[in-house]
Amino acid sequence: MKPLRLVVLLSSCVIALSLVTWSVIDGVARMRAASAMADAANKFLASLKPEQKAKATLDFADENRRDWTVVPRDRKGVPLKDLDANQRKLAMEFMKTGLGASGYQKATTIMSLEPVLAQLEGPNRRIPRDPELYYFSVFGTPSAKAPWGWRVEGHHISIHFTIVKGEMLSNTPLAFGANPAEVREGERKGLRALAGEEDRGRDLIQALDEKQRAVAIFDQKAPSDILTLAKIKADPLKPEGIPTGQMNKQQKALLEKLIDEYLARMPQEVAAERSKKMRDAGFDKIYFAWAGGVNKGDPHYYRIQSPTFLIEYDNTQNNANHIHSVWRDFNGDFGEDLLREHYKATPHGATQPGASQQDAPQSAVHPQDTSHLDSAITQADLARLKLQGAPQRYVRLGPTPDGRPVPIKKPTSLPLIVVFGSNGKIGHIDVVEGLPDGLTEKSIEVAKALKIKPATYSNKPVNVWSEIAITFKLDQS
């Protein structure tokens, strides 16, 4: 099997100083939300025993922050099952800060479906169904200074939040599911955790006339699940379906009600600002697409796609009685794009996991603030090749860390934002977008191994951030 060749490109391109002017959520709402989250997070963490807190807290740069799914599996974090009554109360109050009243009710109802599912599957089920297997994770330290985030995740719930400098940059992905979608027997017969998502979608497709419906339905058979699945980054899907501009007033109102069902999962102020942004961006640019049958009980799928966000819903599994749904932001999931702009525009002093506060960079200047960036970076421990433009360094790798063949057929790059410290050490490393199969971890390993001579500004050592691209390609030599 061919080994990989890893190429490190150290870029010193000029980046504009201004912070990104557009964000997923804007104004007072995101600051109030962040404040409430930090307060609730600190109360929750303060209630935990040392061993519980060790489970609940991870570094902000931990790759697990973006590793998400709604299917049952082992997870990082502290589960409700490990908490006493008071800790559980604080955990649920913490979760409530990220959800609107409707969102919180949906989430707790979804949790309560686990015993129903356990009864339906019987004693020989392969997977534990437990309403206490919902895990709480805090990434970084909740404050108005350094970036931090948090997550609550378990079967059919995956909610994520990213906070930077006292502002909530992101509250997506926001995924809810329900199995059963409708309880059809027993004491809770008739219960539907996500009734609005199903009914309002069907109301809209049935309100379209024959010609409009022919445009909206892109496939007579619904896919078996949402199409973006649990990808770290959701890219826009093919703009299929009917654009809002081709709907009449009544139909547009039904689409608004459907979107409002998803907005209601969020805190009221956040939902209101998102709704305003959606309209300001142009409501007529939104597409509504459907697949599958249009009658109750038919397997079906729909999506709502705008230039900035995607809502996906699927109800096909278990005889069309099992829902998956999600809200994704094309430039805001996990706060990645906005966080990247934040690092480019804001001085930082974050440390790597395990680094002492004494070693932490106290500030970071931008590349255009110093002419010494290129000369400041050396990598004596890597094989040197002829420089072409930005410095290039090559090291050989074997198979992927778990020994499987390398899953790439063409050069694949992973961008990192790195703080080169005035103390001669690598500071904070932020992964812009990760790669699978251990390649992200290998990239971070290489970045941490860089040997640097501090850049200087006004004859003094300074911290400098820069973006480096780690490129994996098959070695043809």
Protein backbone atom coordinates (compact mmCIF):
# COMPACT_ATOMS: atom_id res chain seq x y z
CA MET A 1 0.00 0.00 0.00
CA LYS A 2 1.27 3.40 -0.91
CA PRO A 3 2.22 5.65 2.01
CA LEU A 4 0.97 9.16 2.36
CA ARG A 5 3.02 12.26 1.89
CA LEU A 6 2.03 15.09 4.13
CA VAL A 7 2.60 18.67 3.01
CA VAL A 8 2.53 21.58 5.42
CA LEU A 9 1.95 24.97 3.86
CA LEU A 10 2.55 27.95 6.09
CA SER A 11 0.58 30.84 4.70
CA SER A 12 1.31 34.47 5.42
CA CYS A 13 -1.45 35.93 3.30
CA VAL A 14 -2.96 39.23 4.37
CA ILE A 15 -6.33 38.87 6.10
CA ALA A 16 -8.71 41.78 6.68
CA LEU A 17 -8.89 42.90 10.29
CA SER A 18 -12.60 43.51 10.45
CA LEU A 19 -14.74 40.88 12.16
CA VAL A 20 -17.26 39.14 9.95
CA THR A 21 -20.21 41.47 9.55
CA TRP A 22 -22.85 38.77 9.12
CA SER A 23 -23.65 36.13 11.69
CA VAL A 24 -26.29 33.49 12.09
CA ILE A 25 -27.72 35.19 15.12
CA ASP A 26 -27.35 38.88 15.77
CA GLY A 27 -27.87 41.54 18.42
CA VAL A 28 -28.95 41.43 22.02
CA ALA A 29 -30.51 37.96 21.84
CA ARG A 30 -27.24 36.10 21.43
CA MET A 31 -25.64 37.98 24.32
CA ARG A 32 -28.56 37.29 26.65
CA ALA A 33 -28.59 33.66 25.60
CA ALA A 34 -24.84 33.31 26.20
CA SER A 35 -25.10 34.91 29.63
CA ALA A 36 -27.90 32.59 30.69
CA MET A 37 -25.98 29.58 29.35
CA ALA A 38 -22.76 30.48 31.18
CA ASP A 39 -24.61 31.04 34.45
CA ALA A 40 -26.48 27.74 34.20
CA ALA A 41 -23.37 25.86 33.06
CA ASN A 42 -21.30 27.09 36.01
CA LYS A 43 -24.05 26.19 38.50
CA PHE A 44 -24.31 22.74 36.99
CA LEU A 45 -20.54 22.15 36.96
CA ALA A 46 -20.19 23.44 40.53
CA SER A 47 -22.66 20.77 41.69
CA LEU A 48 -20.64 17.89 40.27
CA LYS A 49 -18.20 15.67 42.11
CA PRO A 50 -14.63 15.60 40.74
CA GLU A 51 -15.14 12.33 38.87
CA GLN A 52 -18.42 13.60 37.37
CA LYS A 53 -16.85 16.88 36.34
CA ALA A 54 -13.99 15.01 34.68
CA LYS A 55 -16.57 13.29 32.46
CA ALA A 56 -18.56 16.43 31.76
CA THR A 57 -15.72 18.77 30.77
CA LEU A 58 -13.54 18.63 27.66
CA ASP A 59 -11.19 21.04 25.96
CA PHE A 60 -12.83 23.42 23.49
CA ALA A 61 -10.48 22.12 20.77
CA ASP A 62 -11.49 18.49 21.42
CA GLU A 63 -12.62 16.87 18.18
CA ASN A 64 -15.55 15.33 20.03
CA ARG A 65 -17.22 18.75 20.05
CA ARG A 66 -18.20 18.21 16.41
CA ASP A 67 -18.73 14.45 16.57
CA TRP A 68 -22.49 14.13 16.67
CA THR A 69 -25.34 11.76 15.92
CA VAL A 70 -28.86 10.99 17.14
CA VAL A 71 -28.45 7.20 17.11
CA PRO A 72 -27.79 5.24 20.32
CA ARG A 73 -24.09 4.81 21.10
CA ASP A 74 -21.49 5.37 23.83
CA ARG A 75 -20.86 9.08 24.30
CA LYS A 76 -18.54 11.42 26.12
CA GLY A 77 -20.03 13.58 28.81
CA VAL A 78 -21.86 12.87 32.05
CA PRO A 79 -25.24 11.13 31.69
CA LEU A 80 -28.36 11.97 33.67
CA LYS A 81 -28.08 8.44 35.05
CA ASP A 82 -24.97 9.44 37.05
CA LEU A 83 -26.57 12.51 38.64
CA ASP A 84 -28.49 12.93 41.89
CA ALA A 85 -31.82 14.77 42.03
CA ASN A 86 -30.32 18.24 42.53
CA GLN A 87 -27.65 17.77 39.86
CA ARG A 88 -30.31 16.49 37.46
CA LYS A 89 -32.46 19.56 38.12
CA LEU A 90 -29.51 21.85 37.37
CA ALA A 91 -28.68 19.86 34.22
CA MET A 92 -32.21 20.25 32.88
CA GLU A 93 -32.22 23.96 33.71
CA PHE A 94 -28.95 24.22 31.81
CA MET A 95 -30.46 22.46 28.80
CA LYS A 96 -33.49 24.75 28.96
CA THR A 97 -31.30 27.83 28.32
CA GLY A 98 -30.60 26.58 24.79
CA LEU A 99 -34.21 25.76 23.92
CA GLY A 100 -37.49 27.63 23.75
CA ALA A 101 -40.43 26.49 25.87
CA SER A 102 -41.67 24.39 22.95
CA GLY A 103 -38.18 23.03 22.29
CA TYR A 104 -37.73 22.00 25.91
CA GLN A 105 -41.13 20.27 25.92
CA LYS A 106 -40.26 18.42 22.72
CA ALA A 107 -36.87 17.37 24.13
CA THR A 108 -38.28 16.01 27.39
CA THR A 109 -41.07 14.22 25.51
CA ILE A 110 -38.49 12.61 23.20
CA MET A 111 -36.56 11.41 26.26
CA SER A 112 -39.75 9.97 27.73
CA LEU A 113 -40.29 7.80 24.63
CA GLU A 114 -37.39 5.51 25.58
CA PRO A 115 -39.46 3.31 27.94
CA VAL A 116 -42.20 3.12 25.28
CA LEU A 117 -39.65 1.96 22.72
CA ALA A 118 -38.20 -0.52 25.22
CA GLN A 119 -41.63 -2.06 25.67
CA LEU A 120 -42.23 -2.21 21.91
CA GLU A 121 -38.89 -3.92 21.28
CA GLY A 122 -39.25 -6.37 24.14
CA PRO A 123 -36.65 -8.00 26.41
CA ASN A 124 -34.49 -9.31 23.56
CA ARG A 125 -33.68 -5.84 22.20
CA ARG A 126 -30.03 -5.25 21.27
CA ILE A 127 -29.86 -1.60 22.35
CA PRO A 128 -30.58 -0.20 25.83
CA ARG A 129 -33.53 2.20 25.91
CA ASP A 130 -33.07 4.46 28.88
CA PRO A 131 -34.45 8.00 29.43
CA GLU A 132 -31.42 8.69 31.62
CA LEU A 133 -28.81 8.04 28.90
CA TYR A 134 -28.62 11.67 27.80
CA TYR A 135 -25.14 13.12 28.12
CA PHE A 136 -24.10 16.66 29.06
CA SER A 137 -20.74 17.97 27.84
CA VAL A 138 -19.07 21.37 28.33
CA PHE A 139 -16.17 22.26 26.05
CA GLY A 140 -13.82 24.87 27.49
CA THR A 141 -14.57 27.18 30.42
CA PRO A 142 -17.94 28.98 30.50
CA SER A 143 -17.11 32.69 30.58
CA ALA A 144 -17.32 35.89 28.56
CA LYS A 145 -13.62 35.64 27.63
CA ALA A 146 -12.42 32.47 25.91
CA PRO A 147 -14.53 30.47 23.43
CA TRP A 148 -16.54 27.65 24.95
CA GLY A 149 -19.39 25.38 23.94
CA TRP A 150 -21.75 22.74 25.21
CA ARG A 151 -23.85 19.84 24.04
CA VAL A 152 -26.68 17.63 25.19
CA GLU A 153 -26.95 14.39 23.26
CA GLY A 154 -28.63 11.02 23.41
CA HIS A 155 -31.07 8.98 21.36
CA HIS A 156 -32.91 11.39 19.03
CA ILE A 157 -31.54 14.54 20.67
CA SER A 158 -28.38 16.37 19.61
CA ILE A 159 -28.13 20.07 20.45
CA HIS A 160 -24.95 22.15 20.18
CA PHE A 161 -23.94 25.66 21.20
CA THR A 162 -20.82 27.76 20.61
CA ILE A 163 -20.14 30.93 22.61
CA VAL A 164 -17.37 33.44 21.97
CA LYS A 165 -16.69 36.62 23.96
CA GLY A 166 -20.08 36.49 25.64
CA GLU A 167 -22.07 35.98 22.43
CA MET A 168 -23.73 32.81 21.19
CA LEU A 169 -22.27 32.32 17.71
CA SER A 170 -24.12 29.11 16.92
CA ASN A 171 -26.93 26.83 18.09
CA THR A 172 -26.70 24.26 15.32
CA PRO A 173 -26.82 21.43 14.42
CA LEU A 174 -30.14 21.15 16.25
CA ALA A 175 -31.52 17.64 15.75
CA PHE A 176 -34.65 16.00 17.16
CA GLY A 177 -36.12 12.61 16.36
CA ALA A 178 -38.97 10.47 17.65
CA ASN A 179 -39.54 6.72 17.75
CA PRO A 180 -42.35 6.00 17.76
CA ALA A 181 -43.48 9.17 16.01
CA GLU A 182 -46.96 8.31 17.29
CA VAL A 183 -47.60 6.04 20.26
CA ARG A 184 -50.30 3.68 19.01
CA GLU A 185 -51.00 1.56 22.07
CA GLY A 186 -50.77 1.60 25.83
CA GLU A 187 -51.32 4.33 28.40
CA ARG A 188 -49.71 7.02 26.23
CA LYS A 189 -51.59 6.15 23.07
CA GLY A 190 -51.85 9.15 20.74
CA LEU A 191 -48.70 10.91 21.99
CA ARG A 192 -46.73 12.58 19.16
CA ALA A 193 -43.49 14.33 20.16
CA LEU A 194 -43.01 16.01 16.77
CA ALA A 195 -46.59 16.38 15.62
CA GLY A 196 -46.18 19.94 14.34
CA GLU A 197 -43.23 19.07 12.14
CA GLU A 198 -45.23 16.29 10.48
CA ASP A 199 -48.65 17.92 10.24
CA ARG A 200 -47.55 21.34 9.02
CA GLY A 201 -45.34 19.81 6.37
CA ARG A 202 -48.26 17.75 5.09
CA ASP A 203 -50.58 20.76 5.27
CA LEU A 204 -48.25 22.63 2.91
CA ILE A 205 -47.76 19.87 0.33
CA GLN A 206 -51.52 19.23 0.24
CA ALA A 207 -52.23 22.97 -0.16
CA LEU A 208 -50.25 23.10 -3.42
CA ASP A 209 -52.21 22.74 -6.62
CA GLU A 210 -51.49 19.89 -9.02
CA LYS A 211 -48.97 21.84 -11.07
CA GLN A 212 -47.14 23.19 -8.01
CA ARG A 213 -47.08 19.76 -6.38
CA ALA A 214 -45.47 18.28 -9.49
CA VAL A 215 -42.64 20.81 -9.03
CA ALA A 216 -42.35 20.34 -5.26
CA ILE A 217 -42.18 16.52 -5.30
CA PHE A 218 -38.71 15.62 -6.54
CA ASP A 219 -39.04 11.86 -5.95
CA GLN A 220 -42.02 9.54 -5.54
CA LYS A 221 -40.00 7.50 -3.05
CA ALA A 222 -38.71 9.07 0.15
CA PRO A 223 -35.07 8.50 1.13
CA SER A 224 -34.44 6.24 4.10
CA ASP A 225 -33.05 9.09 6.21
CA ILE A 226 -32.17 12.76 6.08
CA LEU A 227 -29.58 13.32 3.36
CA THR A 228 -26.99 15.29 5.35
CA LEU A 229 -26.96 12.57 8.04
CA ALA A 230 -24.50 13.49 10.83
CA LYS A 231 -21.90 15.22 8.67
CA ILE A 232 -19.75 17.80 10.42
CA LYS A 233 -20.44 20.33 7.68
CA ALA A 234 -23.68 20.47 5.73
CA ASP A 235 -23.34 21.72 2.18
CA PRO A 236 -26.33 23.05 0.24
CA LEU A 237 -28.32 20.30 -1.45
CA LYS A 238 -29.57 20.49 -5.00
CA PRO A 239 -32.20 23.28 -5.08
CA GLU A 240 -35.07 20.96 -5.88
CA GLY A 241 -38.71 21.62 -5.15
CA ILE A 242 -40.80 24.73 -5.44
CA PRO A 243 -39.41 28.21 -4.64
CA THR A 244 -41.48 30.33 -2.30
CA GLY A 245 -41.80 32.92 -5.04
CA GLN A 246 -44.14 30.52 -6.87
CA MET A 247 -46.48 30.15 -3.88
CA ASN A 248 -49.58 32.18 -3.17
CA LYS A 249 -50.18 34.09 0.05
CA GLN A 250 -51.91 31.22 1.82
CA GLN A 251 -49.20 28.74 0.88
CA LYS A 252 -46.45 31.09 2.02
CA ALA A 253 -48.22 31.43 5.35
CA LEU A 254 -48.23 27.63 5.71
CA LEU A 255 -44.49 27.52 4.97
CA GLU A 256 -43.90 30.19 7.61
CA LYS A 257 -45.85 28.13 10.13
CA LEU A 258 -43.74 25.09 9.28
CA ILE A 259 -40.48 27.01 9.72
CA ASP A 260 -41.86 28.50 12.95
CA GLU A 261 -42.24 24.95 14.27
CA TYR A 262 -38.45 24.57 14.02
CA LEU A 263 -37.72 28.08 15.27
CA ALA A 264 -39.83 27.30 18.34
CA ARG A 265 -37.12 24.84 19.39
CA MET A 266 -34.92 27.87 20.10
CA PRO A 267 -35.12 30.56 22.81
CA GLN A 268 -37.80 33.09 21.87
CA GLU A 269 -35.49 36.06 21.28
CA VAL A 270 -33.07 33.98 19.22
CA ALA A 271 -35.94 32.61 17.15
CA ALA A 272 -37.29 36.13 16.55
CA GLU A 273 -33.93 37.40 15.29
CA ARG A 274 -33.43 34.37 13.08
CA SER A 275 -36.89 34.90 11.64
CA LYS A 276 -36.09 38.54 10.88
CA LYS A 277 -32.82 37.62 9.17
CA MET A 278 -34.61 35.00 7.10
CA ARG A 279 -37.05 37.58 5.82
CA ASP A 280 -34.38 40.21 5.28
CA ALA A 281 -32.39 37.72 3.19
CA GLY A 282 -35.40 37.18 0.95
CA PHE A 283 -38.20 34.78 1.83
CA ASP A 284 -38.85 34.08 -1.85
CA LYS A 285 -35.40 32.47 -2.16
CA ILE A 286 -36.47 29.53 0.03
CA TYR A 287 -37.21 26.17 -1.63
CA PHE A 288 -39.63 23.55 -0.31
CA ALA A 289 -39.02 20.01 -1.59
CA TRP A 290 -40.95 16.79 -0.88
CA ALA A 291 -40.41 13.08 -1.53
CA GLY A 292 -42.73 10.15 -0.94
CA GLY A 293 -46.48 9.99 -0.34
CA VAL A 294 -48.60 12.96 0.73
CA ASN A 295 -51.18 11.15 2.87
CA LYS A 296 -50.93 10.36 6.56
CA GLY A 297 -49.14 7.07 7.07
CA ASP A 298 -47.14 7.31 3.84
CA PRO A 299 -43.33 7.25 4.09
CA HIS A 300 -42.29 10.84 3.37
CA TYR A 301 -39.45 13.34 3.44
CA TYR A 302 -39.20 17.10 3.05
CA ARG A 303 -36.63 19.82 3.23
CA ILE A 304 -36.63 23.59 3.42
CA GLN A 305 -33.53 25.21 1.97
CA SER A 306 -32.53 28.85 1.93
CA PRO A 307 -29.18 30.40 0.95
CA THR A 308 -28.09 30.18 4.59
CA PHE A 309 -29.86 27.25 6.28
CA LEU A 310 -31.33 23.81 5.70
CA ILE A 311 -34.17 22.03 7.49
CA GLU A 312 -34.51 18.30 6.83
CA TYR A 313 -37.25 15.94 7.99
CA ASP A 314 -37.70 12.23 7.28
CA ASN A 315 -40.35 9.76 8.39
CA THR A 316 -39.83 6.44 6.62
CA GLN A 317 -38.41 3.95 9.12
CA ASN A 318 -40.51 1.55 11.22
CA ASN A 319 -43.43 1.72 8.78
CA ALA A 320 -43.28 5.52 8.60
CA ASN A 321 -43.54 5.93 12.36
CA HIS A 322 -39.98 7.09 13.11
CA ILE A 323 -38.92 10.72 12.57
CA HIS A 324 -35.50 12.33 12.12
CA SER A 325 -35.26 16.11 11.74
CA VAL A 326 -32.51 18.70 11.86
CA TRP A 327 -31.70 22.39 11.36
CA ARG A 328 -28.30 23.03 9.76
CA ASP A 329 -26.54 26.34 9.03
CA PHE A 330 -24.30 26.34 5.98
CA ASN A 331 -21.84 28.82 7.51
CA GLY A 332 -22.60 28.45 11.18
CA ASP A 333 -22.75 24.84 12.40
CA PHE A 334 -20.59 24.54 15.53
CA GLY A 335 -19.73 28.21 14.92
CA GLU A 336 -16.91 27.07 12.62
CA ASP A 337 -16.91 29.79 9.95
CA LEU A 338 -17.77 32.52 12.42
CA LEU A 339 -15.21 31.24 14.92
CA ARG A 340 -12.60 31.27 12.19
CA GLU A 341 -13.34 34.93 11.49
CA HIS A 342 -13.20 35.59 15.21
CA TYR A 343 -9.69 34.14 15.43
CA LYS A 344 -8.60 36.23 12.48
CA ALA A 345 -9.93 39.46 13.95
CA THR A 346 -9.34 39.06 17.68
CA PRO A 347 -6.14 38.70 19.77
CA HIS A 348 -5.98 35.32 21.49
CA GLY A 349 -4.20 33.76 24.40
CA ALA A 350 -5.54 30.22 24.42
CA THR A 351 -3.34 27.32 25.37
CA GLN A 352 -3.15 23.79 24.14
CA PRO A 353 -4.53 21.10 26.41
CA GLY A 354 -1.97 20.49 29.14
CA ALA A 355 -0.06 23.75 28.60
CA SER A 356 0.60 25.87 31.66
CA GLN A 357 -0.86 29.35 32.04
CA GLN A 358 2.69 30.67 32.16
CA ASP A 359 3.25 29.35 28.65
CA ALA A 360 0.03 30.83 27.29
CA PRO A 361 0.37 33.54 24.64
CA GLN A 362 -0.96 36.81 25.99
CA SER A 363 -1.95 38.26 22.63
CA ALA A 364 -1.67 37.47 18.94
CA VAL A 365 -0.99 39.96 16.17
CA HIS A 366 -2.14 39.58 12.60
CA PRO A 367 0.29 38.63 9.83
CA GLN A 368 0.13 42.08 8.25
CA ASP A 369 1.20 43.61 11.55
CA THR A 370 4.72 42.22 11.20
CA SER A 371 7.07 41.61 8.32
CA HIS A 372 8.85 38.83 10.20
CA LEU A 373 6.31 36.00 10.00
CA ASP A 374 8.09 33.91 7.33
CA SER A 375 11.48 34.23 8.98
CA ALA A 376 9.94 33.51 12.35
CA ILE A 377 8.90 29.95 11.53
CA THR A 378 11.41 27.13 11.29
CA GLN A 379 10.87 23.38 11.25
CA ALA A 380 14.27 21.80 11.78
CA ASP A 381 12.71 18.48 12.71
CA LEU A 382 11.04 18.00 9.30
CA ALA A 383 12.70 17.11 6.01
CA ARG A 384 13.45 20.28 4.06
CA LEU A 385 12.57 20.67 0.43
CA LYS A 386 13.02 23.58 -1.94
CA LEU A 387 10.77 26.48 -1.03
CA GLN A 388 8.22 27.57 -3.57
CA GLY A 389 6.19 30.53 -2.38
CA ALA A 390 5.10 29.68 1.16
CA PRO A 391 7.42 27.25 3.01
CA GLN A 392 6.67 23.57 2.29
CA ARG A 393 7.69 20.63 4.45
CA TYR A 394 7.16 16.93 3.78
CA VAL A 395 6.98 13.96 6.12
CA ARG A 396 6.07 10.37 5.26
CA LEU A 397 3.16 8.60 6.86
CA GLY A 398 2.16 4.96 6.73
CA PRO A 399 -1.44 3.72 6.71
CA THR A 400 -4.13 5.56 8.68
CA PRO A 401 -3.72 5.33 12.47
CA ASP A 402 -6.05 2.33 12.76
CA GLY A 403 -4.16 0.46 10.02
CA ARG A 404 -6.79 0.68 7.31
CA PRO A 405 -6.01 1.81 3.75
CA VAL A 406 -5.95 5.54 3.25
CA PRO A 407 -9.47 6.56 2.09
CA ILE A 408 -8.42 9.30 -0.34
CA LYS A 409 -7.97 9.29 -4.09
CA LYS A 410 -6.84 12.87 -4.56
CA PRO A 411 -4.96 15.46 -2.44
CA THR A 412 -7.00 16.30 0.65
CA SER A 413 -6.27 19.36 2.78
CA LEU A 414 -7.09 20.20 6.35
CA PRO A 415 -6.79 23.88 7.33
CA LEU A 416 -5.70 24.75 10.86
CA ILE A 417 -5.50 28.12 12.56
CA VAL A 418 -2.45 28.16 14.80
CA VAL A 419 -1.08 30.65 17.31
CA PHE A 420 2.75 30.78 17.11
CA GLY A 421 3.74 31.90 20.59
CA SER A 422 6.17 34.60 21.60
CA ASN A 423 7.56 31.99 24.02
CA GLY A 424 8.66 29.80 21.11
CA LYS A 425 5.88 27.28 21.56
CA ILE A 426 2.79 26.41 19.57
CA GLY A 427 -0.28 27.88 21.23
CA HIS A 428 -3.94 27.35 20.43
CA ILE A 429 -4.79 25.14 17.44
CA ASP A 430 -8.24 25.43 15.93
CA VAL A 431 -9.50 22.89 13.40
CA VAL A 432 -11.43 24.68 10.68
CA GLU A 433 -12.94 21.48 9.24
CA GLY A 434 -11.87 18.00 10.25
CA LEU A 435 -11.05 14.89 8.24
CA PRO A 436 -12.03 11.28 9.09
CA ASP A 437 -9.95 8.19 9.79
CA GLY A 438 -7.50 9.81 12.18
CA LEU A 439 -6.18 12.34 9.66
CA THR A 440 -7.32 15.28 11.80
CA GLU A 441 -5.42 13.93 14.79
CA LYS A 442 -2.30 13.36 12.66
CA SER A 443 -2.51 16.93 11.35
CA ILE A 444 -2.70 18.34 14.87
CA GLU A 445 0.22 16.13 15.90
CA VAL A 446 2.35 17.56 13.09
CA ALA A 447 1.32 21.12 13.91
CA LYS A 448 2.21 20.68 17.58
CA ALA A 449 5.65 19.39 16.57
CA LEU A 450 6.56 22.56 14.68
CA LYS A 451 9.73 24.25 15.95
CA ILE A 452 9.45 28.00 15.85
CA LYS A 453 11.50 31.06 16.48
CA PRO A 454 9.17 33.79 17.75
CA ALA A 455 8.24 36.58 15.39
CA THR A 456 9.23 40.06 16.50
CA TYR A 457 7.42 43.36 16.34
CA SER A 458 9.18 46.58 17.39
CA ASN A 459 12.10 44.34 18.34
CA LYS A 460 9.99 42.36 20.81
CA PRO A 461 8.75 38.75 20.55
CA VAL A 462 5.06 38.59 19.71
CA ASN A 463 2.40 35.94 19.28
CA VAL A 464 1.23 35.52 15.71
CA TRP A 465 -1.71 33.56 14.39
CA SER A 466 -1.50 32.02 10.97
CA GLU A 467 -3.37 29.47 8.91
CA ILE A 468 -1.53 26.34 7.86
CA ALA A 469 -2.85 23.78 5.38
CA ILE A 470 -2.07 20.12 6.01
CA THR A 471 -2.35 18.30 2.66
CA PHE A 472 -2.48 14.51 2.39
CA LYS A 473 -1.72 12.89 -0.95
CA LEU A 474 -0.67 9.49 -2.20
CA ASP A 475 3.10 9.21 -2.61
CA GLN A 476 3.83 8.38 -6.24
CA SER A 477 7.59 8.03 -5.75
